[in-house]
Amino acid sequence: MRVGFAVPQSGPWATPENMRRIAVRAEELGYDALWTFQRLVYPVGHLMGPTYRAVHDPLITLAHVSAVTSRIELGVAVINAYVQPIVLAKQLATLQTVSGGRVSAGIGLGWLPEEFEATGVEMTRRGRRGEEFVELLRKAWADDVVEHSGEFYRVPASHIDPKPVPAPPRVLLGGTAEVALRRAARLADGWVSSSREDLSAIAGRVRLIKAELAGAGRDAEAFRFVCRGVTQVREADEDRPLTGTYDKIRNDVAALAEQGVTDVFHDLNFDREIPSSDAGEAMRRAEEALEALAP
């Protein structure tokens, strides 16, 4: 089981100094990865809650912490396929190169209509768009001459260089519907769960993907099953996984490993108490959790 920690990215505690402090200490403690997420807009009057109210860009955040770390992996879970794939391919290729090959790129389909409107992309046929999106990313990273004429995107014959070094980033796909899980098995290097994932059912999702991998002749051992841990440290244990005392949270991580999860990362941005807290108090709690939950 690889264990990661999310960078401060949402709310008052998400300062550049705190990003660096968490990143450096996580690497010192032996964490395997740092993680970010994307939220472009927060519609006025929406009830999404404090986590999504003020969120830094995920790739610029990862580039920032890559400069103060050297080993720890860098993951985004997820960037949605309403951005332009060629622009994203260039950004991820550069991040992969400057970080020394540490990037895992989670791609999602998106679910917030206002973000599609704001980016000028139709929300319909998101599944098909996502498949073509991943196809274009891989072309941009591998082909000497990139030329594409598809249902959603067109690229004239072009060189898109430099290529990512030492290799293309890992591509993870999100989604919980059966069609999304099958898509991940066909197209991606891993699957990443959402913040709303029912962790009691995650074993079934792992089995479905592994069956699909076997049917396609792909190596299930090389595939990553990544769980965003909506980790909430509390004084008493609660029924929800990853919520309660440190002992319970550690036991929950072990239970996820038994269900086939290969990677879990503790994301305190999704504990509603953290992004809505005073920055100093949020950081105090985060650093305590970082130490207590170290692998």
C-alpha atoms as a PDB file:
ATOM      1  CA  MET A   1       0.000   0.000   0.000  1.00  0.00           C
ATOM      2  CA  ARG A   2       1.351   3.406  -1.023  1.00  0.00           C
ATOM      3  CA  VAL A   3       0.278   6.188   1.330  1.00  0.00           C
ATOM      4  CA  GLY A   4       0.066   9.819   0.280  1.00  0.00           C
ATOM      5  CA  PHE A   5      -1.004  13.172   1.668  1.00  0.00           C
ATOM      6  CA  ALA A   6      -2.865  16.037   0.035  1.00  0.00           C
ATOM      7  CA  VAL A   7      -1.224  19.439  -0.266  1.00  0.00           C
ATOM      8  CA  PRO A   8      -2.993  22.377   1.447  1.00  0.00           C
ATOM      9  CA  GLN A   9      -5.014  23.672  -1.478  1.00  0.00           C
ATOM     10  CA  SER A  10      -8.396  24.888  -0.259  1.00  0.00           C
ATOM     11  CA  GLY A  11      -9.237  27.726   2.094  1.00  0.00           C
ATOM     12  CA  PRO A  12      -7.111  29.926   4.411  1.00  0.00           C
ATOM     13  CA  TRP A  13      -4.538  27.239   5.268  1.00  0.00           C
ATOM     14  CA  ALA A  14      -3.564  26.836   1.584  1.00  0.00           C
ATOM     15  CA  THR A  15      -0.653  29.272   1.595  1.00  0.00           C
ATOM     16  CA  PRO A  16       2.588  28.780  -0.352  1.00  0.00           C
ATOM     17  CA  GLU A  17       4.514  28.392   2.910  1.00  0.00           C
ATOM     18  CA  ASN A  18       2.132  25.713   4.184  1.00  0.00           C
ATOM     19  CA  MET A  19       2.231  23.882   0.859  1.00  0.00           C
ATOM     20  CA  ARG A  20       6.003  23.696   1.125  1.00  0.00           C
ATOM     21  CA  ARG A  21       5.978  22.695   4.799  1.00  0.00           C
ATOM     22  CA  ILE A  22       3.595  19.807   4.209  1.00  0.00           C
ATOM     23  CA  ALA A  23       5.427  18.667   1.072  1.00  0.00           C
ATOM     24  CA  VAL A  24       8.885  18.674   2.625  1.00  0.00           C
ATOM     25  CA  ARG A  25       7.771  16.969   5.835  1.00  0.00           C
ATOM     26  CA  ALA A  26       5.744  14.353   3.946  1.00  0.00           C
ATOM     27  CA  GLU A  27       8.814  13.406   1.953  1.00  0.00           C
ATOM     28  CA  GLU A  28      10.935  13.268   5.120  1.00  0.00           C
ATOM     29  CA  LEU A  29       8.375  10.959   6.765  1.00  0.00           C
ATOM     30  CA  GLY A  30       8.375   8.521   3.861  1.00  0.00           C
ATOM     31  CA  TYR A  31       5.023   9.310   2.263  1.00  0.00           C
ATOM     32  CA  ASP A  32       4.775   8.053  -1.287  1.00  0.00           C
ATOM     33  CA  ALA A  33       2.875  10.882  -2.970  1.00  0.00           C
ATOM     34  CA  LEU A  34       1.494  14.400  -2.727  1.00  0.00           C
ATOM     35  CA  TRP A  35      -1.943  15.044  -4.231  1.00  0.00           C
ATOM     36  CA  THR A  36      -4.038  17.943  -5.513  1.00  0.00           C
ATOM     37  CA  PHE A  37      -7.491  18.380  -7.066  1.00  0.00           C
ATOM     38  CA  GLN A  38      -9.278  20.778  -9.410  1.00  0.00           C
ATOM     39  CA  ARG A  39     -12.203  23.169  -8.949  1.00  0.00           C
ATOM     40  CA  LEU A  40     -12.501  25.995 -11.469  1.00  0.00           C
ATOM     41  CA  VAL A  41     -15.588  27.886 -10.321  1.00  0.00           C
ATOM     42  CA  TYR A  42     -17.904  28.010  -7.330  1.00  0.00           C
ATOM     43  CA  PRO A  43     -21.348  29.086  -8.554  1.00  0.00           C
ATOM     44  CA  VAL A  44     -22.955  31.799  -6.435  1.00  0.00           C
ATOM     45  CA  GLY A  45     -25.430  30.233  -4.035  1.00  0.00           C
ATOM     46  CA  HIS A  46     -24.197  26.668  -4.585  1.00  0.00           C
ATOM     47  CA  LEU A  47     -24.177  24.288  -1.620  1.00  0.00           C
ATOM     48  CA  MET A  48     -20.922  22.456  -2.359  1.00  0.00           C
ATOM     49  CA  GLY A  49     -19.414  23.595   0.918  1.00  0.00           C
ATOM     50  CA  PRO A  50     -16.123  25.149   2.037  1.00  0.00           C
ATOM     51  CA  THR A  51     -13.804  22.638   0.344  1.00  0.00           C
ATOM     52  CA  TYR A  52     -14.657  23.972  -3.109  1.00  0.00           C
ATOM     53  CA  ARG A  53     -15.027  27.667  -2.261  1.00  0.00           C
ATOM     54  CA  ALA A  54     -11.420  28.782  -2.945  1.00  0.00           C
ATOM     55  CA  VAL A  55      -9.102  26.248  -4.597  1.00  0.00           C
ATOM     56  CA  HIS A  56      -5.640  26.805  -6.049  1.00  0.00           C
ATOM     57  CA  ASP A  57      -4.743  25.426  -9.476  1.00  0.00           C
ATOM     58  CA  PRO A  58      -3.596  21.797  -9.083  1.00  0.00           C
ATOM     59  CA  LEU A  59      -0.720  21.747 -11.575  1.00  0.00           C
ATOM     60  CA  ILE A  60       0.839  25.034 -10.505  1.00  0.00           C
ATOM     61  CA  THR A  61       0.597  23.823  -6.913  1.00  0.00           C
ATOM     62  CA  LEU A  62       2.389  20.585  -7.830  1.00  0.00           C
ATOM     63  CA  ALA A  63       5.055  22.502  -9.751  1.00  0.00           C
ATOM     64  CA  HIS A  64       5.611  24.663  -6.677  1.00  0.00           C
ATOM     65  CA  VAL A  65       6.108  21.725  -4.306  1.00  0.00           C
ATOM     66  CA  SER A  66       8.148  19.766  -6.854  1.00  0.00           C
ATOM     67  CA  ALA A  67      10.880  22.365  -6.463  1.00  0.00           C
ATOM     68  CA  VAL A  68      11.307  21.638  -2.742  1.00  0.00           C
ATOM     69  CA  THR A  69      11.102  17.823  -3.000  1.00  0.00           C
ATOM     70  CA  SER A  70      13.040  15.213  -4.952  1.00  0.00           C
ATOM     71  CA  ARG A  71      11.531  11.745  -4.470  1.00  0.00           C
ATOM     72  CA  ILE A  72       7.875  11.912  -3.560  1.00  0.00           C
ATOM     73  CA  GLU A  73       5.353  11.324  -6.356  1.00  0.00           C
ATOM     74  CA  LEU A  74       3.061  14.127  -7.548  1.00  0.00           C
ATOM     75  CA  GLY A  75      -0.572  13.337  -8.326  1.00  0.00           C
ATOM     76  CA  VAL A  76      -3.652  15.247  -9.392  1.00  0.00           C
ATOM     77  CA  ALA A  77      -7.048  13.677  -8.733  1.00  0.00           C
ATOM     78  CA  VAL A  78      -8.527  14.868 -10.984  1.00  0.00           C
ATOM     79  CA  ILE A  79      -8.378  17.370 -13.859  1.00  0.00           C
ATOM     80  CA  ASN A  80     -11.593  17.331 -15.852  1.00  0.00           C
ATOM     81  CA  ALA A  81     -11.877  16.881 -19.604  1.00  0.00           C
ATOM     82  CA  TYR A  82     -13.416  20.283 -20.250  1.00  0.00           C
ATOM     83  CA  VAL A  83      -9.945  21.810 -20.523  1.00  0.00           C
ATOM     84  CA  GLN A  84      -8.103  21.631 -23.842  1.00  0.00           C
ATOM     85  CA  PRO A  85      -6.162  18.351 -24.063  1.00  0.00           C
ATOM     86  CA  ILE A  86      -3.206  19.660 -26.068  1.00  0.00           C
ATOM     87  CA  VAL A  87      -2.647  22.498 -23.608  1.00  0.00           C
ATOM     88  CA  LEU A  88      -2.897  20.052 -20.704  1.00  0.00           C
ATOM     89  CA  ALA A  89      -0.555  17.604 -22.451  1.00  0.00           C
ATOM     90  CA  LYS A  90       2.084  20.333 -22.695  1.00  0.00           C
ATOM     91  CA  GLN A  91       1.661  21.323 -19.047  1.00  0.00           C
ATOM     92  CA  LEU A  92       1.867  17.731 -17.803  1.00  0.00           C
ATOM     93  CA  ALA A  93       4.864  16.965 -20.013  1.00  0.00           C
ATOM     94  CA  THR A  94       6.730  19.931 -18.564  1.00  0.00           C
ATOM     95  CA  LEU A  95       5.768  19.036 -15.006  1.00  0.00           C
ATOM     96  CA  GLN A  96       6.904  15.458 -15.591  1.00  0.00           C
ATOM     97  CA  THR A  97      10.264  16.640 -16.877  1.00  0.00           C
ATOM     98  CA  VAL A  98      11.016  19.299 -14.268  1.00  0.00           C
ATOM     99  CA  SER A  99       9.980  16.946 -11.437  1.00  0.00           C
ATOM    100  CA  GLY A 100      12.124  14.070 -12.676  1.00  0.00           C
ATOM    101  CA  GLY A 101       9.279  11.780 -13.769  1.00  0.00           C
ATOM    102  CA  ARG A 102       7.072  11.818 -10.661  1.00  0.00           C
ATOM    103  CA  VAL A 103       3.644  12.686 -12.117  1.00  0.00           C
ATOM    104  CA  SER A 104       0.357  10.771 -12.005  1.00  0.00           C
ATOM    105  CA  ALA A 105      -2.345  12.559 -13.983  1.00  0.00           C
ATOM    106  CA  GLY A 106      -5.883  11.793 -12.929  1.00  0.00           C
ATOM    107  CA  ILE A 107      -8.484  12.638 -15.570  1.00  0.00           C
ATOM    108  CA  GLY A 108     -12.200  13.003 -14.857  1.00  0.00           C
ATOM    109  CA  LEU A 109     -15.272  13.802 -16.933  1.00  0.00           C
ATOM    110  CA  GLY A 110     -16.583  16.641 -14.759  1.00  0.00           C
ATOM    111  CA  TRP A 111     -19.985  17.036 -13.131  1.00  0.00           C
ATOM    112  CA  LEU A 112     -20.588  20.754 -12.530  1.00  0.00           C
ATOM    113  CA  PRO A 113     -22.587  22.343 -15.418  1.00  0.00           C
ATOM    114  CA  GLU A 114     -21.289  25.833 -14.674  1.00  0.00           C
ATOM    115  CA  GLU A 115     -17.705  24.705 -15.278  1.00  0.00           C
ATOM    116  CA  PHE A 116     -18.602  23.382 -18.713  1.00  0.00           C
ATOM    117  CA  GLU A 117     -20.345  26.660 -19.510  1.00  0.00           C
ATOM    118  CA  ALA A 118     -17.372  28.681 -18.262  1.00  0.00           C
ATOM    119  CA  THR A 119     -14.925  26.702 -20.428  1.00  0.00           C
ATOM    120  CA  GLY A 120     -17.130  26.693 -23.546  1.00  0.00           C
ATOM    121  CA  VAL A 121     -17.500  22.906 -23.672  1.00  0.00           C
ATOM    122  CA  GLU A 122     -20.702  20.909 -24.101  1.00  0.00           C
ATOM    123  CA  MET A 123     -21.528  18.685 -21.133  1.00  0.00           C
ATOM    124  CA  THR A 124     -23.194  16.035 -23.310  1.00  0.00           C
ATOM    125  CA  ARG A 125     -21.305  12.920 -24.478  1.00  0.00           C
ATOM    126  CA  ARG A 126     -18.741  13.328 -21.728  1.00  0.00           C
ATOM    127  CA  GLY A 127     -17.725   9.674 -21.808  1.00  0.00           C
ATOM    128  CA  ARG A 128     -16.831   9.712 -25.476  1.00  0.00           C
ATOM    129  CA  ARG A 129     -15.098  13.073 -25.072  1.00  0.00           C
ATOM    130  CA  GLY A 130     -13.041  11.664 -22.235  1.00  0.00           C
ATOM    131  CA  GLU A 131     -11.866   8.726 -24.332  1.00  0.00           C
ATOM    132  CA  GLU A 132     -10.737  10.991 -27.150  1.00  0.00           C
ATOM    133  CA  PHE A 133      -9.134  13.286 -24.565  1.00  0.00           C
ATOM    134  CA  VAL A 134      -6.914  10.485 -23.259  1.00  0.00           C
ATOM    135  CA  GLU A 135      -6.094   9.395 -26.801  1.00  0.00           C
ATOM    136  CA  LEU A 136      -4.848  12.900 -27.598  1.00  0.00           C
ATOM    137  CA  LEU A 137      -2.766  13.132 -24.430  1.00  0.00           C
ATOM    138  CA  ARG A 138      -0.958   9.934 -25.323  1.00  0.00           C
ATOM    139  CA  LYS A 139      -0.417  11.045 -28.939  1.00  0.00           C
ATOM    140  CA  ALA A 140       1.032  14.362 -27.792  1.00  0.00           C
ATOM    141  CA  TRP A 141       3.469  12.587 -25.493  1.00  0.00           C
ATOM    142  CA  ALA A 142       4.570   9.870 -27.931  1.00  0.00           C
ATOM    143  CA  ASP A 143       4.158  10.763 -31.612  1.00  0.00           C
ATOM    144  CA  ASP A 144       6.829  12.643 -33.560  1.00  0.00           C
ATOM    145  CA  VAL A 145       4.095  14.192 -35.693  1.00  0.00           C
ATOM    146  CA  VAL A 146       0.743  14.626 -33.977  1.00  0.00           C
ATOM    147  CA  GLU A 147      -2.248  14.716 -36.316  1.00  0.00           C
ATOM    148  CA  HIS A 148      -5.800  14.182 -35.161  1.00  0.00           C
ATOM    149  CA  SER A 149      -9.283  14.588 -36.587  1.00  0.00           C
ATOM    150  CA  GLY A 150     -11.899  13.275 -34.201  1.00  0.00           C
ATOM    151  CA  GLU A 151     -15.406  13.898 -32.991  1.00  0.00           C
ATOM    152  CA  PHE A 152     -14.367  16.584 -30.501  1.00  0.00           C
ATOM    153  CA  TYR A 153     -10.821  17.674 -31.319  1.00  0.00           C
ATOM    154  CA  ARG A 154      -8.712  18.478 -34.365  1.00  0.00           C
ATOM    155  CA  VAL A 155      -4.952  18.938 -34.450  1.00  0.00           C
ATOM    156  CA  PRO A 156      -3.162  19.748 -37.715  1.00  0.00           C
ATOM    157  CA  ALA A 157       0.024  17.793 -38.376  1.00  0.00           C
ATOM    158  CA  SER A 158       2.338  19.246 -35.759  1.00  0.00           C
ATOM    159  CA  HIS A 159       5.384  18.615 -33.633  1.00  0.00           C
ATOM    160  CA  ILE A 160       4.486  18.880 -29.936  1.00  0.00           C
ATOM    161  CA  ASP A 161       7.826  18.890 -28.189  1.00  0.00           C
ATOM    162  CA  PRO A 162       9.662  18.380 -25.949  1.00  0.00           C
ATOM    163  CA  LYS A 163       8.322  15.006 -24.917  1.00  0.00           C
ATOM    164  CA  PRO A 164       8.026  14.213 -21.208  1.00  0.00           C
ATOM    165  CA  VAL A 165      11.212  12.821 -19.644  1.00  0.00           C
ATOM    166  CA  PRO A 166      11.944  10.112 -18.583  1.00  0.00           C
ATOM    167  CA  ALA A 167       8.547   8.760 -19.720  1.00  0.00           C
ATOM    168  CA  PRO A 168       4.941   9.940 -20.086  1.00  0.00           C
ATOM    169  CA  PRO A 169       3.011  10.578 -16.864  1.00  0.00           C
ATOM    170  CA  ARG A 170       0.800   7.812 -15.549  1.00  0.00           C
ATOM    171  CA  VAL A 171      -2.825   8.363 -16.561  1.00  0.00           C
ATOM    172  CA  LEU A 172      -5.532   7.573 -14.012  1.00  0.00           C
ATOM    173  CA  LEU A 173      -9.253   7.760 -14.747  1.00  0.00           C
ATOM    174  CA  GLY A 174     -11.994   8.564 -12.267  1.00  0.00           C
ATOM    175  CA  GLY A 175     -15.663   7.592 -12.212  1.00  0.00           C
ATOM    176  CA  THR A 176     -17.923   5.225 -10.300  1.00  0.00           C
ATOM    177  CA  ALA A 177     -20.399   3.991 -12.920  1.00  0.00           C
ATOM    178  CA  GLU A 178     -19.709   0.567 -14.387  1.00  0.00           C
ATOM    179  CA  VAL A 179     -19.002   2.047 -17.806  1.00  0.00           C
ATOM    180  CA  ALA A 180     -16.435   4.379 -16.233  1.00  0.00           C
ATOM    181  CA  LEU A 181     -14.696   1.511 -14.455  1.00  0.00           C
ATOM    182  CA  ARG A 182     -14.500  -0.458 -17.698  1.00  0.00           C
ATOM    183  CA  ARG A 183     -13.163   2.611 -19.463  1.00  0.00           C
ATOM    184  CA  ALA A 184     -10.401   2.944 -16.868  1.00  0.00           C
ATOM    185  CA  ALA A 185      -9.427  -0.697 -17.378  1.00  0.00           C
ATOM    186  CA  ARG A 186      -9.222  -0.198 -21.154  1.00  0.00           C
ATOM    187  CA  LEU A 187      -7.451   3.136 -21.349  1.00  0.00           C
ATOM    188  CA  ALA A 188      -5.637   4.015 -18.142  1.00  0.00           C
ATOM    189  CA  ASP A 189      -2.751   3.046 -15.893  1.00  0.00           C
ATOM    190  CA  GLY A 190      -5.003   3.254 -12.844  1.00  0.00           C
ATOM    191  CA  TRP A 191      -8.345   4.276 -11.373  1.00  0.00           C
ATOM    192  CA  VAL A 192      -8.935   6.959  -8.748  1.00  0.00           C
ATOM    193  CA  SER A 193     -11.985   7.156  -6.506  1.00  0.00           C
ATOM    194  CA  SER A 194     -13.932  10.350  -5.888  1.00  0.00           C
ATOM    195  CA  SER A 195     -14.429  12.186  -2.613  1.00  0.00           C
ATOM    196  CA  ARG A 196     -17.979  10.791  -2.514  1.00  0.00           C
ATOM    197  CA  GLU A 197     -16.942   7.167  -2.977  1.00  0.00           C
ATOM    198  CA  ASP A 198     -18.684   4.593  -0.809  1.00  0.00           C
ATOM    199  CA  LEU A 199     -15.572   2.915   0.553  1.00  0.00           C
ATOM    200  CA  SER A 200     -17.618  -0.033   1.797  1.00  0.00           C
ATOM    201  CA  ALA A 201     -18.228  -0.911  -1.874  1.00  0.00           C
ATOM    202  CA  ILE A 202     -14.757  -0.276  -3.212  1.00  0.00           C
ATOM    203  CA  ALA A 203     -13.798  -3.967  -3.257  1.00  0.00           C
ATOM    204  CA  GLY A 204     -16.498  -4.595  -5.863  1.00  0.00           C
ATOM    205  CA  ARG A 205     -15.137  -1.838  -8.073  1.00  0.00           C
ATOM    206  CA  VAL A 206     -11.636  -3.291  -7.797  1.00  0.00           C
ATOM    207  CA  ARG A 207     -12.922  -6.749  -8.770  1.00  0.00           C
ATOM    208  CA  LEU A 208     -14.792  -5.401 -11.776  1.00  0.00           C
ATOM    209  CA  ILE A 209     -11.745  -3.544 -13.060  1.00  0.00           C
ATOM    210  CA  LYS A 210      -9.476  -6.533 -12.503  1.00  0.00           C
ATOM    211  CA  ALA A 211     -11.873  -8.772 -14.445  1.00  0.00           C
ATOM    212  CA  GLU A 212     -11.871  -6.262 -17.288  1.00  0.00           C
ATOM    213  CA  LEU A 213      -8.070  -6.082 -17.210  1.00  0.00           C
ATOM    214  CA  ALA A 214      -7.816  -9.870 -17.373  1.00  0.00           C
ATOM    215  CA  GLY A 215     -10.204  -9.967 -20.320  1.00  0.00           C
ATOM    216  CA  ALA A 216      -8.056  -7.452 -22.162  1.00  0.00           C
ATOM    217  CA  GLY A 217      -4.835  -9.323 -21.374  1.00  0.00           C
ATOM    218  CA  ARG A 218      -3.524  -6.457 -19.249  1.00  0.00           C
ATOM    219  CA  ASP A 219      -1.390  -6.870 -16.134  1.00  0.00           C
ATOM    220  CA  ALA A 220      -3.557  -6.153 -13.090  1.00  0.00           C
ATOM    221  CA  GLU A 221      -0.470  -6.026 -10.862  1.00  0.00           C
ATOM    222  CA  ALA A 222       0.762  -2.941 -12.723  1.00  0.00           C
ATOM    223  CA  PHE A 223      -2.595  -1.166 -12.418  1.00  0.00           C
ATOM    224  CA  ARG A 224      -3.093   1.324  -9.582  1.00  0.00           C
ATOM    225  CA  PHE A 225      -6.247   1.552  -7.500  1.00  0.00           C
ATOM    226  CA  VAL A 226      -6.080   4.960  -5.840  1.00  0.00           C
ATOM    227  CA  CYS A 227      -8.405   5.991  -3.008  1.00  0.00           C
ATOM    228  CA  ARG A 228      -8.893   9.616  -2.053  1.00  0.00           C
ATOM    229  CA  GLY A 229      -9.126   9.415   1.711  1.00  0.00           C
ATOM    230  CA  VAL A 230     -11.626  11.907   3.043  1.00  0.00           C
ATOM    231  CA  THR A 231      -9.748  11.662   6.322  1.00  0.00           C
ATOM    232  CA  GLN A 232     -11.367  13.288   9.350  1.00  0.00           C
ATOM    233  CA  VAL A 233      -9.551  13.055  12.664  1.00  0.00           C
ATOM    234  CA  ARG A 234     -11.985  13.070  15.585  1.00  0.00           C
ATOM    235  CA  GLU A 235     -11.807  12.323  19.309  1.00  0.00           C
ATOM    236  CA  ALA A 236     -14.186   9.360  18.985  1.00  0.00           C
ATOM    237  CA  ASP A 237     -14.531   6.703  16.310  1.00  0.00           C
ATOM    238  CA  GLU A 238     -17.338   7.039  13.779  1.00  0.00           C
ATOM    239  CA  ASP A 239     -18.912   4.522  11.409  1.00  0.00           C
ATOM    240  CA  ARG A 240     -17.601   6.319   8.329  1.00  0.00           C
ATOM    241  CA  PRO A 241     -14.260   4.929   7.063  1.00  0.00           C
ATOM    242  CA  LEU A 242     -11.211   7.096   7.743  1.00  0.00           C
ATOM    243  CA  THR A 243     -13.116   9.108  10.354  1.00  0.00           C
ATOM    244  CA  GLY A 244     -12.278   8.923  14.035  1.00  0.00           C
ATOM    245  CA  THR A 245      -9.158   8.337  16.090  1.00  0.00           C
ATOM    246  CA  TYR A 246      -5.745   7.738  14.556  1.00  0.00           C
ATOM    247  CA  ASP A 247      -5.881   4.043  15.471  1.00  0.00           C
ATOM    248  CA  LYS A 248      -9.163   3.633  13.630  1.00  0.00           C
ATOM    249  CA  ILE A 249      -7.922   5.526  10.589  1.00  0.00           C
ATOM    250  CA  ARG A 250      -4.802   3.348  10.400  1.00  0.00           C
ATOM    251  CA  ASN A 251      -6.976   0.220  10.656  1.00  0.00           C
ATOM    252  CA  ASP A 252      -9.218   1.571   7.903  1.00  0.00           C
ATOM    253  CA  VAL A 253      -6.194   2.059   5.643  1.00  0.00           C
ATOM    254  CA  ALA A 254      -5.193  -1.560   6.263  1.00  0.00           C
ATOM    255  CA  ALA A 255      -8.748  -2.670   5.431  1.00  0.00           C
ATOM    256  CA  LEU A 256      -8.618  -0.781   2.128  1.00  0.00           C
ATOM    257  CA  ALA A 257      -5.401  -2.606   1.262  1.00  0.00           C
ATOM    258  CA  GLU A 258      -7.129  -5.925   1.917  1.00  0.00           C
ATOM    259  CA  GLN A 259      -9.847  -4.883  -0.533  1.00  0.00           C
ATOM    260  CA  GLY A 260      -7.314  -4.371  -3.319  1.00  0.00           C
ATOM    261  CA  VAL A 261      -6.602  -0.651  -3.012  1.00  0.00           C
ATOM    262  CA  THR A 262      -2.948   0.012  -3.897  1.00  0.00           C
ATOM    263  CA  ASP A 263      -2.758   3.718  -3.002  1.00  0.00           C
ATOM    264  CA  VAL A 264      -4.549   5.843  -0.437  1.00  0.00           C
ATOM    265  CA  PHE A 265      -3.974   9.509   0.281  1.00  0.00           C
ATOM    266  CA  HIS A 266      -5.231  11.461   3.255  1.00  0.00           C
ATOM    267  CA  ASP A 267      -6.970  14.587   1.982  1.00  0.00           C
ATOM    268  CA  LEU A 268      -7.706  17.013   4.798  1.00  0.00           C
ATOM    269  CA  ASN A 269      -9.003  19.557   2.285  1.00  0.00           C
ATOM    270  CA  PHE A 270     -12.173  17.443   2.262  1.00  0.00           C
ATOM    271  CA  ASP A 271     -12.600  17.562   6.033  1.00  0.00           C
ATOM    272  CA  ARG A 272     -15.070  20.446   6.143  1.00  0.00           C
ATOM    273  CA  GLU A 273     -13.512  21.655   9.399  1.00  0.00           C
ATOM    274  CA  ILE A 274     -10.107  22.275   7.797  1.00  0.00           C
ATOM    275  CA  PRO A 275     -10.771  24.748   4.921  1.00  0.00           C
ATOM    276  CA  SER A 276     -13.205  26.660   7.123  1.00  0.00           C
ATOM    277  CA  SER A 277     -10.813  26.881  10.106  1.00  0.00           C
ATOM    278  CA  ASP A 278      -8.312  29.530  11.067  1.00  0.00           C
ATOM    279  CA  ALA A 279      -5.179  28.882   9.019  1.00  0.00           C
ATOM    280  CA  GLY A 280      -2.982  28.317  12.061  1.00  0.00           C
ATOM    281  CA  GLU A 281      -5.347  25.833  13.672  1.00  0.00           C
ATOM    282  CA  ALA A 282      -5.874  23.968  10.389  1.00  0.00           C
ATOM    283  CA  MET A 283      -2.134  23.656   9.926  1.00  0.00           C
ATOM    284  CA  ARG A 284      -1.623  22.486  13.504  1.00  0.00           C
ATOM    285  CA  ARG A 285      -4.141  19.696  12.976  1.00  0.00           C
ATOM    286  CA  ALA A 286      -2.703  18.811   9.574  1.00  0.00           C
ATOM    287  CA  GLU A 287       0.872  18.528  10.833  1.00  0.00           C
ATOM    288  CA  GLU A 288      -0.265  16.374  13.737  1.00  0.00           C
ATOM    289  CA  ALA A 289      -2.117  14.071  11.308  1.00  0.00           C
ATOM    290  CA  LEU A 290       0.852  14.018   8.944  1.00  0.00           C
ATOM    291  CA  GLU A 291       3.086  12.694  11.727  1.00  0.00           C
ATOM    292  CA  ALA A 292       0.541  10.278  13.202  1.00  0.00           C
ATOM    293  CA  LEU A 293      -0.495   8.656   9.893  1.00  0.00           C
ATOM    294  CA  ALA A 294       2.976   8.376   8.348  1.00  0.00           C
ATOM    295  CA  PRO A 295       3.605   5.030   6.600  1.00  0.00           C
END
